Amino acid sequence: MQMPASVVASEIVGHGTEHQNPDPLNPKGSATRKSRTTSSSFTYCSGIIQIARVRQQENTRKGGPPAQLVINEFAKQVAINATIGAIGRGIGLGIEAVQAARAASAAEELAEVSNLVTKAASTVGNQGAVASSKDVALAAAKDFVGPGSRPILDRTTGQVVGEISADGTKVYRTTSVGGAQPYVNLVNKVTGGNLHVRF
């Protein structure tokens, strides 16, 4: 699609008291003119249409196409440009909304993980908790054992089934993740607690 050249609408009527410029397109003359860019699309379009009329009147005298045909085509192009601009703004707002929703969701998950870790740190005996997803439950398990944790291997299969903290006081196990009612065990050897985090 070919876009029309950008033109800034200007006042083309002279304010002098002795002479008036007979040719609105000729910048020469004694009249004083102010050129201003306006935020009003009506003024903008009106100025360009007025300039188009003057130019096309000259073209018509020289055998060119009627001025109204050119103005109609220009009006169509302005409408198309306005529609494209509106679509672009809508897409931008949609992207911002998606990003805001993702940020809010991430913040909620972080808060949920923090709450589960806090509960596991104070659990005494067997207790239960519910996570919104498997990812949240596993993230809480990783935070619970902390940095420097070591993997726990199944002696039969050799697969990793959990981790133990660097000081050996905290353990998480994933042996029940694949069950009909999946959960992760967060074991606190200091308090004697075992928090079953279902998801």
N, C-alpha and C. Protein backbone atom coordinates (compact mmCIF):
# COMPACT_ATOMS: atom_id res chain seq x y z
N MET A 1 0.85 -1.18 0.00
CA MET A 1 0.00 0.00 0.00
C MET A 1 0.88 1.23 0.00
N GLN A 2 0.68 2.18 -0.94
CA GLN A 2 1.49 3.38 -1.01
C GLN A 2 0.87 4.45 -0.15
N MET A 3 1.61 5.04 0.80
CA MET A 3 1.10 6.03 1.74
C MET A 3 1.30 7.40 1.15
N PRO A 4 0.34 8.32 1.36
CA PRO A 4 0.49 9.67 0.84
C PRO A 4 1.58 10.40 1.58
N ALA A 5 2.22 11.36 0.88
CA ALA A 5 3.29 12.15 1.50
C ALA A 5 2.71 12.98 2.62
N SER A 6 3.47 13.12 3.69
CA SER A 6 3.01 13.86 4.86
C SER A 6 3.09 15.34 4.59
N VAL A 7 1.97 16.05 4.79
CA VAL A 7 1.92 17.48 4.56
C VAL A 7 1.37 18.14 5.80
N VAL A 8 1.98 19.23 6.24
CA VAL A 8 1.49 19.95 7.41
C VAL A 8 0.60 21.07 6.93
N ALA A 9 -0.65 21.09 7.40
CA ALA A 9 -1.59 22.13 7.00
C ALA A 9 -1.15 23.46 7.56
N SER A 10 -1.17 24.53 6.74
CA SER A 10 -0.77 25.86 7.17
C SER A 10 -1.84 26.87 6.80
N GLU A 11 -1.83 27.98 7.46
CA GLU A 11 -2.74 29.05 7.10
C GLU A 11 -2.28 29.62 5.77
N ILE A 12 -3.19 29.76 4.81
CA ILE A 12 -2.80 30.24 3.49
C ILE A 12 -3.48 31.56 3.17
N VAL A 13 -4.15 32.18 4.13
CA VAL A 13 -4.78 33.47 3.92
C VAL A 13 -3.89 34.53 4.50
N GLY A 14 -3.52 35.56 3.73
CA GLY A 14 -2.61 36.60 4.20
C GLY A 14 -3.28 37.52 5.18
N HIS A 15 -2.51 38.11 6.09
CA HIS A 15 -3.02 39.05 7.08
C HIS A 15 -2.55 40.46 6.81
N GLY A 16 -1.94 40.73 5.67
CA GLY A 16 -1.47 42.07 5.36
C GLY A 16 -2.61 43.00 5.05
N THR A 17 -2.38 44.30 5.12
CA THR A 17 -3.42 45.30 4.88
C THR A 17 -3.36 45.87 3.49
N GLU A 18 -2.20 45.70 2.76
CA GLU A 18 -2.06 46.33 1.45
C GLU A 18 -2.16 45.31 0.33
N HIS A 19 -1.52 44.16 0.48
CA HIS A 19 -1.48 43.17 -0.59
C HIS A 19 -1.90 41.81 -0.07
N GLN A 20 -2.50 41.04 -0.93
CA GLN A 20 -2.88 39.66 -0.59
C GLN A 20 -2.29 38.74 -1.63
N ASN A 21 -1.66 37.71 -1.22
CA ASN A 21 -1.00 36.79 -2.14
C ASN A 21 -2.04 36.09 -2.99
N PRO A 22 -2.05 36.28 -4.32
CA PRO A 22 -3.08 35.65 -5.17
C PRO A 22 -2.87 34.16 -5.32
N ASP A 23 -1.69 33.69 -5.11
CA ASP A 23 -1.39 32.26 -5.27
C ASP A 23 -1.10 31.66 -3.91
N PRO A 24 -2.01 30.88 -3.33
CA PRO A 24 -1.80 30.31 -1.99
C PRO A 24 -0.59 29.39 -1.92
N LEU A 25 -0.16 28.86 -3.08
CA LEU A 25 0.97 27.94 -3.06
C LEU A 25 2.30 28.65 -3.22
N ASN A 26 2.26 29.94 -3.52
CA ASN A 26 3.49 30.70 -3.71
C ASN A 26 3.88 31.33 -2.39
N PRO A 27 5.03 30.97 -1.81
CA PRO A 27 5.41 31.49 -0.50
C PRO A 27 5.81 32.96 -0.55
N LYS A 28 5.99 33.54 -1.79
CA LYS A 28 6.41 34.92 -1.89
C LYS A 28 5.23 35.86 -1.67
N GLY A 29 5.47 37.03 -1.12
CA GLY A 29 4.41 38.00 -0.91
C GLY A 29 4.65 38.73 0.38
N SER A 30 3.91 39.83 0.55
CA SER A 30 4.13 40.64 1.75
C SER A 30 3.29 40.19 2.92
N ALA A 31 2.33 39.29 2.69
CA ALA A 31 1.46 38.85 3.79
C ALA A 31 2.25 38.01 4.77
N THR A 32 1.91 38.15 6.03
CA THR A 32 2.56 37.36 7.09
C THR A 32 1.74 36.13 7.35
N ARG A 33 2.40 34.95 7.36
CA ARG A 33 1.69 33.70 7.59
C ARG A 33 2.36 32.92 8.69
N LYS A 34 1.54 32.23 9.46
CA LYS A 34 2.07 31.36 10.52
C LYS A 34 1.79 29.92 10.14
N SER A 35 2.83 29.09 10.22
CA SER A 35 2.69 27.66 9.94
C SER A 35 2.62 26.92 11.26
N ARG A 36 1.59 26.17 11.45
CA ARG A 36 1.44 25.44 12.71
C ARG A 36 0.92 24.04 12.46
N THR A 37 1.39 23.14 13.26
CA THR A 37 0.91 21.75 13.23
C THR A 37 -0.17 21.61 14.27
N THR A 38 -1.30 21.08 13.90
CA THR A 38 -2.43 20.97 14.83
C THR A 38 -2.73 19.53 15.12
N SER A 39 -3.18 19.28 16.33
CA SER A 39 -3.54 17.92 16.72
C SER A 39 -4.91 17.54 16.23
N SER A 40 -5.65 18.50 15.67
CA SER A 40 -7.00 18.22 15.19
C SER A 40 -6.94 17.60 13.80
N SER A 41 -7.43 16.37 13.67
CA SER A 41 -7.40 15.71 12.37
C SER A 41 -8.29 16.43 11.36
N PHE A 42 -9.36 17.12 11.84
CA PHE A 42 -10.26 17.83 10.93
C PHE A 42 -9.52 18.99 10.29
N THR A 43 -8.83 19.79 11.09
CA THR A 43 -8.07 20.93 10.57
C THR A 43 -6.98 20.44 9.64
N TYR A 44 -6.33 19.36 10.04
CA TYR A 44 -5.25 18.79 9.23
C TYR A 44 -5.76 18.38 7.85
N CYS A 45 -6.84 17.62 7.83
CA CYS A 45 -7.39 17.15 6.56
C CYS A 45 -7.93 18.30 5.73
N SER A 46 -8.60 19.29 6.38
CA SER A 46 -9.16 20.42 5.67
C SER A 46 -8.07 21.21 4.98
N GLY A 47 -6.95 21.42 5.67
CA GLY A 47 -5.85 22.16 5.07
C GLY A 47 -5.30 21.47 3.85
N ILE A 48 -5.11 20.14 3.95
CA ILE A 48 -4.55 19.39 2.83
C ILE A 48 -5.53 19.37 1.65
N ILE A 49 -6.83 19.21 1.97
CA ILE A 49 -7.84 19.20 0.90
C ILE A 49 -7.87 20.55 0.18
N GLN A 50 -7.73 21.64 0.93
CA GLN A 50 -7.74 22.97 0.33
C GLN A 50 -6.55 23.13 -0.61
N ILE A 51 -5.39 22.65 -0.16
CA ILE A 51 -4.20 22.71 -1.02
C ILE A 51 -4.40 21.83 -2.26
N ALA A 52 -5.00 20.65 -2.05
CA ALA A 52 -5.24 19.75 -3.18
C ALA A 52 -6.18 20.38 -4.20
N ARG A 53 -7.19 21.10 -3.71
CA ARG A 53 -8.13 21.76 -4.64
C ARG A 53 -7.39 22.78 -5.51
N VAL A 54 -6.56 23.60 -4.90
CA VAL A 54 -5.84 24.63 -5.65
C VAL A 54 -4.95 23.99 -6.71
N ARG A 55 -4.22 22.93 -6.30
CA ARG A 55 -3.32 22.27 -7.25
C ARG A 55 -4.09 21.59 -8.37
N GLN A 56 -5.18 20.94 -8.00
CA GLN A 56 -5.92 20.21 -9.02
C GLN A 56 -6.70 21.14 -9.95
N GLN A 57 -7.06 22.33 -9.48
CA GLN A 57 -7.68 23.30 -10.38
C GLN A 57 -6.72 23.67 -11.49
N GLU A 58 -5.43 23.80 -11.13
CA GLU A 58 -4.42 24.08 -12.14
C GLU A 58 -4.27 22.90 -13.09
N ASN A 59 -4.27 21.67 -12.51
CA ASN A 59 -4.15 20.48 -13.35
C ASN A 59 -5.34 20.34 -14.30
N THR A 60 -6.55 20.69 -13.80
CA THR A 60 -7.75 20.56 -14.62
C THR A 60 -7.67 21.50 -15.82
N ARG A 61 -7.17 22.71 -15.57
CA ARG A 61 -7.02 23.67 -16.67
C ARG A 61 -6.04 23.16 -17.71
N LYS A 62 -5.08 22.33 -17.25
CA LYS A 62 -4.09 21.79 -18.16
C LYS A 62 -4.50 20.43 -18.73
N GLY A 63 -5.75 20.02 -18.47
CA GLY A 63 -6.23 18.75 -19.02
C GLY A 63 -6.08 17.58 -18.08
N GLY A 64 -5.74 17.82 -16.79
CA GLY A 64 -5.58 16.76 -15.81
C GLY A 64 -6.93 16.27 -15.30
N PRO A 65 -6.96 15.30 -14.38
CA PRO A 65 -8.21 14.76 -13.84
C PRO A 65 -8.92 15.81 -12.98
N PRO A 66 -10.25 15.71 -12.85
CA PRO A 66 -11.02 16.65 -12.02
C PRO A 66 -10.52 16.65 -10.59
N ALA A 67 -10.59 17.81 -9.94
CA ALA A 67 -10.09 17.94 -8.57
C ALA A 67 -10.85 17.05 -7.61
N GLN A 68 -12.17 16.90 -7.79
CA GLN A 68 -12.97 16.13 -6.83
C GLN A 68 -12.54 14.67 -6.77
N LEU A 69 -12.11 14.11 -7.92
CA LEU A 69 -11.68 12.72 -7.93
C LEU A 69 -10.44 12.53 -7.07
N VAL A 70 -9.53 13.47 -7.17
CA VAL A 70 -8.30 13.38 -6.38
C VAL A 70 -8.61 13.55 -4.90
N ILE A 71 -9.51 14.48 -4.58
CA ILE A 71 -9.88 14.72 -3.18
C ILE A 71 -10.58 13.51 -2.59
N ASN A 72 -11.45 12.87 -3.37
CA ASN A 72 -12.13 11.66 -2.89
C ASN A 72 -11.13 10.55 -2.60
N GLU A 73 -10.16 10.40 -3.50
CA GLU A 73 -9.14 9.38 -3.29
C GLU A 73 -8.31 9.69 -2.05
N PHE A 74 -8.02 10.96 -1.85
CA PHE A 74 -7.26 11.37 -0.66
C PHE A 74 -8.06 11.06 0.61
N ALA A 75 -9.37 11.35 0.58
CA ALA A 75 -10.22 11.08 1.75
C ALA A 75 -10.23 9.59 2.09
N LYS A 76 -10.26 8.74 1.05
CA LYS A 76 -10.22 7.30 1.29
C LYS A 76 -8.91 6.89 1.96
N GLN A 77 -7.81 7.49 1.48
CA GLN A 77 -6.51 7.14 2.04
C GLN A 77 -6.40 7.58 3.50
N VAL A 78 -6.96 8.76 3.80
CA VAL A 78 -6.96 9.24 5.19
C VAL A 78 -7.73 8.28 6.09
N ALA A 79 -8.88 7.80 5.61
CA ALA A 79 -9.68 6.85 6.39
C ALA A 79 -8.92 5.55 6.62
N ILE A 80 -8.21 5.08 5.58
CA ILE A 80 -7.43 3.85 5.72
C ILE A 80 -6.31 4.05 6.75
N ASN A 81 -5.63 5.19 6.66
CA ASN A 81 -4.54 5.46 7.61
C ASN A 81 -5.06 5.54 9.03
N ALA A 82 -6.23 6.17 9.21
CA ALA A 82 -6.81 6.27 10.55
C ALA A 82 -7.15 4.89 11.10
N THR A 83 -7.67 4.00 10.23
CA THR A 83 -8.02 2.65 10.66
C THR A 83 -6.78 1.87 11.06
N ILE A 84 -5.72 2.00 10.24
CA ILE A 84 -4.47 1.30 10.56
C ILE A 84 -3.91 1.79 11.89
N GLY A 85 -3.98 3.11 12.11
CA GLY A 85 -3.49 3.66 13.38
C GLY A 85 -4.27 3.13 14.56
N ALA A 86 -5.61 3.04 14.41
CA ALA A 86 -6.44 2.53 15.50
C ALA A 86 -6.13 1.07 15.80
N ILE A 87 -5.92 0.28 14.73
CA ILE A 87 -5.58 -1.13 14.92
C ILE A 87 -4.25 -1.26 15.64
N GLY A 88 -3.28 -0.43 15.24
CA GLY A 88 -1.97 -0.47 15.88
C GLY A 88 -2.04 -0.14 17.36
N ARG A 89 -2.85 0.89 17.68
CA ARG A 89 -3.00 1.24 19.10
C ARG A 89 -3.69 0.13 19.86
N GLY A 90 -4.67 -0.52 19.21
CA GLY A 90 -5.35 -1.63 19.87
C GLY A 90 -4.43 -2.80 20.15
N ILE A 91 -3.56 -3.09 19.16
CA ILE A 91 -2.60 -4.18 19.36
C ILE A 91 -1.65 -3.85 20.49
N GLY A 92 -1.20 -2.59 20.53
CA GLY A 92 -0.30 -2.17 21.61
C GLY A 92 -0.93 -2.33 22.98
N LEU A 93 -2.20 -1.91 23.08
CA LEU A 93 -2.89 -2.05 24.37
C LEU A 93 -3.09 -3.51 24.73
N GLY A 94 -3.36 -4.35 23.70
CA GLY A 94 -3.52 -5.78 23.97
C GLY A 94 -2.25 -6.42 24.48
N ILE A 95 -1.11 -6.04 23.88
CA ILE A 95 0.18 -6.58 24.33
C ILE A 95 0.46 -6.16 25.76
N GLU A 96 0.18 -4.88 26.07
CA GLU A 96 0.40 -4.40 27.43
C GLU A 96 -0.48 -5.16 28.43
N ALA A 97 -1.71 -5.45 28.03
CA ALA A 97 -2.62 -6.17 28.93
C ALA A 97 -2.11 -7.59 29.19
N VAL A 98 -1.61 -8.25 28.13
CA VAL A 98 -1.07 -9.60 28.28
C VAL A 98 0.15 -9.59 29.20
N GLN A 99 1.04 -8.61 28.98
CA GLN A 99 2.24 -8.52 29.81
C GLN A 99 1.88 -8.26 31.27
N ALA A 100 0.88 -7.40 31.48
CA ALA A 100 0.47 -7.11 32.86
C ALA A 100 -0.13 -8.34 33.52
N ALA A 101 -0.92 -9.11 32.75
CA ALA A 101 -1.51 -10.33 33.29
C ALA A 101 -0.44 -11.36 33.65
N ARG A 102 0.57 -11.48 32.79
CA ARG A 102 1.66 -12.43 33.07
C ARG A 102 2.45 -12.00 34.31
N ALA A 103 2.69 -10.70 34.44
CA ALA A 103 3.42 -10.21 35.61
C ALA A 103 2.64 -10.47 36.89
N ALA A 104 1.32 -10.25 36.82
CA ALA A 104 0.48 -10.50 37.99
C ALA A 104 0.46 -11.98 38.36
N SER A 105 0.40 -12.85 37.34
CA SER A 105 0.40 -14.29 37.59
C SER A 105 1.72 -14.75 38.21
N ALA A 106 2.84 -14.21 37.70
CA ALA A 106 4.15 -14.56 38.25
C ALA A 106 4.27 -14.12 39.70
N ALA A 107 3.75 -12.94 40.01
CA ALA A 107 3.81 -12.44 41.38
C ALA A 107 2.99 -13.33 42.32
N GLU A 108 1.84 -13.79 41.84
CA GLU A 108 1.00 -14.68 42.65
C GLU A 108 1.71 -16.01 42.92
N GLU A 109 2.38 -16.54 41.90
CA GLU A 109 3.08 -17.82 42.08
C GLU A 109 4.24 -17.68 43.07
N LEU A 110 4.96 -16.56 42.99
CA LEU A 110 6.06 -16.33 43.93
C LEU A 110 5.54 -16.25 45.36
N ALA A 111 4.42 -15.58 45.54
CA ALA A 111 3.84 -15.47 46.88
C ALA A 111 3.38 -16.83 47.39
N GLU A 112 2.82 -17.64 46.49
CA GLU A 112 2.36 -18.98 46.87
C GLU A 112 3.53 -19.87 47.27
N VAL A 113 4.61 -19.82 46.49
CA VAL A 113 5.82 -20.59 46.82
C VAL A 113 6.35 -20.19 48.18
N SER A 114 6.43 -18.90 48.43
CA SER A 114 6.94 -18.40 49.71
C SER A 114 6.09 -18.90 50.88
N ASN A 115 4.78 -18.89 50.70
CA ASN A 115 3.88 -19.36 51.77
C ASN A 115 4.08 -20.85 52.07
N LEU A 116 4.25 -21.66 51.02
CA LEU A 116 4.45 -23.09 51.21
C LEU A 116 5.78 -23.38 51.93
N VAL A 117 6.83 -22.65 51.55
CA VAL A 117 8.13 -22.84 52.19
C VAL A 117 8.05 -22.44 53.67
N THR A 118 7.38 -21.35 53.95
CA THR A 118 7.22 -20.91 55.34
C THR A 118 6.47 -21.94 56.17
N LYS A 119 5.43 -22.50 55.57
CA LYS A 119 4.64 -23.51 56.29
C LYS A 119 5.47 -24.77 56.54
N ALA A 120 6.24 -25.20 55.53
CA ALA A 120 7.07 -26.40 55.68
C ALA A 120 8.13 -26.20 56.76
N ALA A 121 8.63 -24.99 56.91
CA ALA A 121 9.67 -24.72 57.89
C ALA A 121 9.15 -24.82 59.33
N SER A 122 7.84 -24.70 59.51
CA SER A 122 7.28 -24.74 60.86
C SER A 122 6.38 -25.95 61.10
N THR A 123 6.31 -26.84 60.11
CA THR A 123 5.43 -27.99 60.23
C THR A 123 5.93 -28.98 61.29
N VAL A 124 5.00 -29.45 62.09
CA VAL A 124 5.28 -30.49 63.08
C VAL A 124 4.33 -31.66 62.81
N GLY A 125 4.90 -32.85 62.61
CA GLY A 125 4.06 -34.01 62.29
C GLY A 125 3.62 -33.95 60.84
N ASN A 126 2.66 -34.78 60.50
CA ASN A 126 2.16 -34.83 59.13
C ASN A 126 1.07 -33.77 58.93
N GLN A 127 1.27 -32.93 57.95
CA GLN A 127 0.28 -31.91 57.61
C GLN A 127 0.15 -31.83 56.10
N GLY A 128 -0.89 -31.18 55.66
CA GLY A 128 -1.14 -31.08 54.22
C GLY A 128 -1.28 -29.64 53.76
N ALA A 129 -1.01 -29.42 52.48
CA ALA A 129 -1.18 -28.12 51.84
C ALA A 129 -1.51 -28.37 50.38
N VAL A 130 -2.06 -27.36 49.73
CA VAL A 130 -2.46 -27.50 48.33
C VAL A 130 -1.78 -26.40 47.51
N ALA A 131 -1.11 -26.83 46.43
CA ALA A 131 -0.50 -25.88 45.50
C ALA A 131 -1.38 -25.76 44.26
N SER A 132 -1.29 -24.64 43.60
CA SER A 132 -2.14 -24.41 42.43
C SER A 132 -1.68 -25.23 41.22
N SER A 133 -0.43 -25.70 41.23
CA SER A 133 0.08 -26.48 40.10
C SER A 133 1.30 -27.29 40.53
N LYS A 134 1.67 -28.23 39.68
CA LYS A 134 2.86 -29.04 39.93
C LYS A 134 4.11 -28.16 39.94
N ASP A 135 4.16 -27.20 39.03
CA ASP A 135 5.32 -26.31 38.96
C ASP A 135 5.51 -25.53 40.25
N VAL A 136 4.41 -25.06 40.82
CA VAL A 136 4.49 -24.31 42.07
C VAL A 136 4.98 -25.22 43.20
N ALA A 137 4.46 -26.44 43.26
CA ALA A 137 4.86 -27.38 44.30
C ALA A 137 6.35 -27.70 44.22
N LEU A 138 6.86 -27.95 43.00
CA LEU A 138 8.27 -28.25 42.84
C LEU A 138 9.16 -27.04 43.11
N ALA A 139 8.68 -25.85 42.75
CA ALA A 139 9.44 -24.64 43.03
C ALA A 139 9.57 -24.43 44.54
N ALA A 140 8.48 -24.71 45.27
CA ALA A 140 8.51 -24.60 46.73
C ALA A 140 9.47 -25.63 47.32
N ALA A 141 9.49 -26.83 46.74
CA ALA A 141 10.40 -27.88 47.22
C ALA A 141 11.86 -27.46 47.03
N LYS A 142 12.18 -26.87 45.88
CA LYS A 142 13.54 -26.44 45.62
C LYS A 142 13.95 -25.32 46.58
N ASP A 143 13.05 -24.39 46.82
CA ASP A 143 13.36 -23.30 47.75
C ASP A 143 13.51 -23.83 49.17
N PHE A 144 12.73 -24.84 49.49
CA PHE A 144 12.75 -25.39 50.85
C PHE A 144 14.12 -25.97 51.20
N VAL A 145 14.71 -26.75 50.29
CA VAL A 145 16.01 -27.37 50.58
C VAL A 145 17.16 -26.37 50.39
N GLY A 146 16.93 -25.33 49.59
CA GLY A 146 17.91 -24.26 49.46
C GLY A 146 19.08 -24.59 48.55
N PRO A 147 20.00 -23.63 48.39
CA PRO A 147 21.17 -23.83 47.52
C PRO A 147 22.13 -24.87 48.10
N GLY A 148 22.84 -25.55 47.22
CA GLY A 148 23.79 -26.56 47.65
C GLY A 148 23.17 -27.90 47.96
N SER A 149 21.90 -28.07 47.65
CA SER A 149 21.22 -29.34 47.93
C SER A 149 21.77 -30.45 47.03
N ARG A 150 21.62 -31.69 47.49
CA ARG A 150 22.12 -32.86 46.76
C ARG A 150 20.95 -33.73 46.33
N PRO A 151 21.05 -34.36 45.16
CA PRO A 151 19.96 -35.22 44.69
C PRO A 151 19.85 -36.51 45.50
N ILE A 152 18.62 -37.00 45.61
CA ILE A 152 18.36 -38.30 46.24
C ILE A 152 17.98 -39.27 45.12
N LEU A 153 18.68 -40.41 45.05
CA LEU A 153 18.46 -41.36 43.97
C LEU A 153 17.70 -42.58 44.47
N ASP A 154 16.83 -43.09 43.61
CA ASP A 154 16.15 -44.34 43.90
C ASP A 154 17.17 -45.47 43.75
N ARG A 155 17.30 -46.33 44.77
CA ARG A 155 18.32 -47.37 44.75
C ARG A 155 18.07 -48.43 43.69
N THR A 156 16.83 -48.57 43.27
CA THR A 156 16.50 -49.59 42.26
C THR A 156 16.66 -49.06 40.85
N THR A 157 16.08 -47.90 40.59
CA THR A 157 16.08 -47.36 39.22
C THR A 157 17.22 -46.38 38.96
N GLY A 158 17.77 -45.80 40.02
CA GLY A 158 18.81 -44.79 39.84
C GLY A 158 18.28 -43.42 39.47
N GLN A 159 16.96 -43.28 39.45
CA GLN A 159 16.37 -41.99 39.10
C GLN A 159 16.37 -41.05 40.29
N VAL A 160 16.40 -39.76 40.00
CA VAL A 160 16.34 -38.75 41.05
C VAL A 160 14.90 -38.66 41.57
N VAL A 161 14.73 -38.83 42.87
CA VAL A 161 13.39 -38.81 43.46
C VAL A 161 13.26 -37.70 44.51
N GLY A 162 14.23 -36.82 44.56
CA GLY A 162 14.15 -35.74 45.53
C GLY A 162 15.51 -35.10 45.75
N GLU A 163 15.58 -34.24 46.78
CA GLU A 163 16.84 -33.58 47.12
C GLU A 163 16.91 -33.40 48.64
N ILE A 164 18.13 -33.28 49.15
CA ILE A 164 18.36 -33.05 50.56
C ILE A 164 19.23 -31.80 50.71
N SER A 165 18.93 -30.98 51.68
CA SER A 165 19.65 -29.72 51.86
C SER A 165 21.12 -29.96 52.19
N ALA A 166 21.93 -28.92 52.05
CA ALA A 166 23.37 -29.03 52.28
C ALA A 166 23.68 -29.44 53.71
N ASP A 167 22.85 -29.00 54.68
CA ASP A 167 23.10 -29.37 56.08
C ASP A 167 22.38 -30.64 56.49
N GLY A 168 21.62 -31.24 55.56
CA GLY A 168 20.94 -32.51 55.82
C GLY A 168 19.69 -32.41 56.66
N THR A 169 19.19 -31.19 56.95
CA THR A 169 18.01 -31.06 57.82
C THR A 169 16.69 -30.98 57.06
N LYS A 170 16.75 -30.75 55.75
CA LYS A 170 15.52 -30.60 54.97
C LYS A 170 15.58 -31.51 53.75
N VAL A 171 14.45 -32.14 53.49
CA VAL A 171 14.38 -33.08 52.37
C VAL A 171 13.07 -32.88 51.63
N TYR A 172 13.14 -33.03 50.31
CA TYR A 172 11.87 -33.13 49.56
C TYR A 172 11.93 -34.37 48.70
N ARG A 173 10.79 -35.04 48.59
CA ARG A 173 10.70 -36.25 47.80
C ARG A 173 9.54 -36.14 46.81
N THR A 174 9.78 -36.70 45.61
CA THR A 174 8.77 -36.64 44.55
C THR A 174 8.26 -38.03 44.19
N THR A 175 8.38 -38.98 45.08
CA THR A 175 7.98 -40.36 44.78
C THR A 175 6.50 -40.50 44.52
N SER A 176 5.70 -39.56 45.00
CA SER A 176 4.25 -39.65 44.82
C SER A 176 3.72 -38.70 43.75
N VAL A 177 4.62 -38.13 42.96
CA VAL A 177 4.20 -37.15 41.94
C VAL A 177 3.34 -37.80 40.86
N GLY A 178 3.65 -39.06 40.51
CA GLY A 178 2.92 -39.72 39.44
C GLY A 178 1.70 -40.49 39.89
N GLY A 179 1.29 -40.37 41.14
CA GLY A 179 0.15 -41.13 41.65
C GLY A 179 -1.19 -40.55 41.25
N ALA A 180 -2.24 -41.24 41.67
CA ALA A 180 -3.60 -40.77 41.36
C ALA A 180 -3.89 -39.46 42.07
N GLN A 181 -3.33 -39.26 43.23
CA GLN A 181 -3.45 -38.01 43.97
C GLN A 181 -2.02 -37.51 44.25
N PRO A 182 -1.41 -36.86 43.25
CA PRO A 182 0.01 -36.51 43.33
C PRO A 182 0.30 -35.47 44.42
N TYR A 183 1.46 -35.60 45.02
CA TYR A 183 1.91 -34.62 46.01
C TYR A 183 3.42 -34.72 46.16
N VAL A 184 3.98 -33.69 46.81
CA VAL A 184 5.42 -33.64 47.10
C VAL A 184 5.58 -33.62 48.62
N ASN A 185 6.51 -34.40 49.13
CA ASN A 185 6.81 -34.41 50.57
C ASN A 185 7.91 -33.41 50.89
N LEU A 186 7.63 -32.52 51.85
CA LEU A 186 8.64 -31.59 52.35
C LEU A 186 8.92 -31.99 53.81
N VAL A 187 10.07 -32.60 54.02
CA VAL A 187 10.40 -33.16 55.33
C VAL A 187 11.34 -32.21 56.06
N ASN A 188 10.95 -31.84 57.29
CA ASN A 188 11.78 -30.98 58.14
C ASN A 188 12.27 -31.81 59.31
N LYS A 189 13.55 -32.20 59.28
CA LYS A 189 14.10 -33.06 60.34
C LYS A 189 14.28 -32.32 61.66
N VAL A 190 14.33 -31.01 61.63
CA VAL A 190 14.48 -30.23 62.86
C VAL A 190 13.19 -30.23 63.67
N THR A 191 12.07 -30.05 62.99
CA THR A 191 10.77 -30.00 63.69
C THR A 191 10.07 -31.35 63.69
N GLY A 192 10.58 -32.29 62.90
CA GLY A 192 9.90 -33.59 62.79
C GLY A 192 8.65 -33.48 61.94
N GLY A 193 8.63 -32.50 61.03
CA GLY A 193 7.43 -32.30 60.22
C GLY A 193 7.53 -32.90 58.82
N ASN A 194 6.38 -33.22 58.25
CA ASN A 194 6.30 -33.75 56.89
C ASN A 194 5.08 -33.11 56.23
N LEU A 195 5.34 -32.12 55.38
CA LEU A 195 4.25 -31.40 54.71
C LEU A 195 3.98 -32.03 53.36
N HIS A 196 2.75 -32.55 53.18
CA HIS A 196 2.34 -33.13 51.91
C HIS A 196 1.71 -32.02 51.06
N VAL A 197 2.40 -31.63 50.01
CA VAL A 197 1.90 -30.54 49.14
C VAL A 197 1.23 -31.17 47.93
N ARG A 198 -0.10 -31.15 47.92
CA ARG A 198 -0.86 -31.69 46.80
C ARG A 198 -1.02 -30.63 45.70
N PHE A 199 -1.29 -31.10 44.48
CA PHE A 199 -1.51 -30.18 43.35
C PHE A 199 -2.45 -30.81 42.34
